[in-house]
């Protein structure tokens, strides 16, 4: 293999790894945001009121 092919292959591998890391980061952030939103769903006074 010549140097150009090796350079392109290495560059592609680095970009692929970076893309996977970015995707993982955004998936974790989305899950964290959904969990935090679920924590704020019920308030303390909701437990004292009778259910209908």
N, C-alpha and C. Protein backbone atom coordinates (compact mmCIF):
# COMPACT_ATOMS: atom_id res chain seq x y z
N UNK A 1 0.85 -1.19 0.00
CA UNK A 1 0.00 0.00 0.00
C UNK A 1 0.89 1.24 0.00
N UNK A 2 0.45 2.21 -0.71
CA UNK A 2 1.23 3.44 -0.70
C UNK A 2 0.78 4.34 0.44
N UNK A 3 1.50 5.40 0.66
CA UNK A 3 1.25 6.28 1.81
C UNK A 3 -0.11 6.98 1.74
N UNK A 4 -0.55 7.31 0.55
CA UNK A 4 -1.84 8.00 0.39
C UNK A 4 -2.99 7.10 0.83
N UNK A 5 -2.95 5.85 0.44
CA UNK A 5 -4.02 4.92 0.80
C UNK A 5 -4.04 4.69 2.31
N UNK A 6 -2.87 4.56 2.90
CA UNK A 6 -2.80 4.36 4.35
C UNK A 6 -3.32 5.60 5.07
N UNK A 7 -2.96 6.78 4.59
CA UNK A 7 -3.44 8.03 5.20
C UNK A 7 -4.95 8.17 5.10
N UNK A 8 -5.51 7.84 3.96
CA UNK A 8 -6.96 7.92 3.79
C UNK A 8 -7.66 6.90 4.68
N UNK A 9 -7.11 5.69 4.77
CA UNK A 9 -7.70 4.66 5.63
C UNK A 9 -7.66 5.07 7.09
N UNK A 10 -6.53 5.62 7.53
CA UNK A 10 -6.42 6.06 8.92
C UNK A 10 -7.35 7.24 9.20
N UNK A 11 -7.44 8.17 8.28
CA UNK A 11 -8.35 9.30 8.45
C UNK A 11 -9.80 8.85 8.54
N UNK A 12 -10.18 7.90 7.69
CA UNK A 12 -11.54 7.38 7.72
C UNK A 12 -11.82 6.67 9.04
N UNK A 13 -10.85 5.91 9.54
CA UNK A 13 -11.04 5.21 10.82
C UNK A 13 -11.20 6.21 11.96
N UNK A 14 -10.40 7.27 11.95
CA UNK A 14 -10.51 8.27 13.01
C UNK A 14 -11.86 8.97 12.96
N UNK A 15 -12.31 9.32 11.76
CA UNK A 15 -13.63 9.96 11.63
C UNK A 15 -14.75 9.02 12.06
N UNK A 16 -14.64 7.76 11.76
CA UNK A 16 -15.65 6.79 12.16
C UNK A 16 -15.71 6.66 13.68
N UNK A 17 -14.57 6.59 14.32
CA UNK A 17 -14.53 6.50 15.78
C UNK A 17 -15.10 7.76 16.42
N UNK A 18 -14.76 8.92 15.86
CA UNK A 18 -15.29 10.18 16.39
C UNK A 18 -16.81 10.23 16.24
N UNK A 19 -17.32 9.78 15.10
CA UNK A 19 -18.77 9.79 14.88
C UNK A 19 -19.46 8.87 15.89
N UNK A 20 -18.88 7.70 16.17
CA UNK A 20 -19.48 6.80 17.15
C UNK A 20 -19.47 7.41 18.55
N UNK A 21 -18.41 8.10 18.91
CA UNK A 21 -18.36 8.75 20.22
C UNK A 21 -19.40 9.87 20.33
N UNK A 22 -19.58 10.63 19.28
CA UNK A 22 -20.57 11.71 19.29
C UNK A 22 -21.98 11.13 19.40
N UNK A 23 -22.26 10.07 18.66
CA UNK A 23 -23.57 9.44 18.73
C UNK A 23 -23.85 8.91 20.14
N UNK A 24 -22.86 8.28 20.74
CA UNK A 24 -23.02 7.78 22.11
C UNK A 24 -23.26 8.90 23.10
N UNK A 25 -22.57 10.01 22.92
CA UNK A 25 -22.76 11.15 23.81
C UNK A 25 -24.18 11.69 23.73
N UNK A 26 -24.69 11.87 22.53
CA UNK A 26 -26.03 12.42 22.38
C UNK A 26 -27.10 11.44 22.85
N UNK A 27 -26.87 10.14 22.69
CA UNK A 27 -27.83 9.16 23.21
C UNK A 27 -27.87 9.20 24.73
N UNK A 28 -26.69 9.30 25.39
CA UNK A 28 -26.67 9.39 26.85
C UNK A 28 -27.33 10.68 27.33
N UNK A 29 -27.09 11.78 26.63
CA UNK A 29 -27.69 13.05 27.01
C UNK A 29 -29.21 13.01 26.87
N UNK A 30 -29.69 12.38 25.81
CA UNK A 30 -31.14 12.25 25.61
C UNK A 30 -31.76 11.39 26.71
N UNK A 31 -31.11 10.30 27.08
CA UNK A 31 -31.61 9.45 28.15
C UNK A 31 -31.61 10.19 29.49
N UNK A 32 -30.54 10.95 29.77
CA UNK A 32 -30.46 11.71 31.01
C UNK A 32 -31.57 12.74 31.09
N UNK A 33 -31.82 13.44 29.99
CA UNK A 33 -32.87 14.45 29.96
C UNK A 33 -34.24 13.82 30.18
N UNK A 34 -34.47 12.63 29.58
CA UNK A 34 -35.75 11.95 29.76
C UNK A 34 -35.93 11.49 31.20
N UNK A 35 -34.85 11.01 31.84
CA UNK A 35 -34.95 10.57 33.23
C UNK A 35 -35.21 11.75 34.16
N UNK A 36 -34.55 12.87 33.93
CA UNK A 36 -34.77 14.05 34.77
C UNK A 36 -36.19 14.57 34.60
N UNK A 37 -36.70 14.56 33.38
CA UNK A 37 -38.08 15.00 33.15
C UNK A 37 -39.06 14.09 33.89
N UNK A 38 -38.77 12.79 33.94
CA UNK A 38 -39.63 11.85 34.66
C UNK A 38 -39.60 12.06 36.16
N UNK A 39 -38.48 12.51 36.69
CA UNK A 39 -38.39 12.76 38.13
C UNK A 39 -39.26 13.93 38.56
N UNK A 40 -39.44 14.90 37.70
CA UNK A 40 -40.21 16.09 38.05
C UNK A 40 -41.69 15.93 37.74
N UNK A 41 -42.11 14.73 37.36
CA UNK A 41 -43.50 14.53 36.98
C UNK A 41 -44.48 14.60 38.13
N UNK A 42 -44.12 14.07 39.29
CA UNK A 42 -45.04 14.04 40.43
C UNK A 42 -44.53 14.97 41.52
N UNK A 43 -45.42 15.72 42.07
CA UNK A 43 -45.06 16.63 43.14
C UNK A 43 -45.53 16.05 44.48
N UNK A 44 -45.07 16.60 45.56
CA UNK A 44 -45.39 16.06 46.87
C UNK A 44 -46.88 16.16 47.16
N UNK A 45 -47.52 17.27 46.77
CA UNK A 45 -48.94 17.42 47.08
C UNK A 45 -49.81 16.49 46.28
N UNK A 46 -49.30 15.88 45.22
CA UNK A 46 -50.11 14.92 44.46
C UNK A 46 -50.39 13.65 45.27
N UNK A 47 -49.52 13.32 46.21
CA UNK A 47 -49.73 12.12 47.01
C UNK A 47 -50.78 12.33 48.09
N UNK A 48 -51.03 13.57 48.49
CA UNK A 48 -51.98 13.83 49.55
C UNK A 48 -53.40 13.96 49.03
N UNK A 49 -53.56 14.20 47.74
CA UNK A 49 -54.90 14.39 47.18
C UNK A 49 -55.50 13.03 46.82
N UNK A 50 -56.81 12.85 47.03
CA UNK A 50 -57.43 11.56 46.66
C UNK A 50 -57.49 11.41 45.14
N UNK A 51 -57.38 10.17 44.68
CA UNK A 51 -57.46 9.90 43.25
C UNK A 51 -58.91 9.69 42.85
N UNK A 52 -59.22 10.11 41.64
CA UNK A 52 -60.61 9.95 41.14
C UNK A 52 -60.66 8.92 40.06
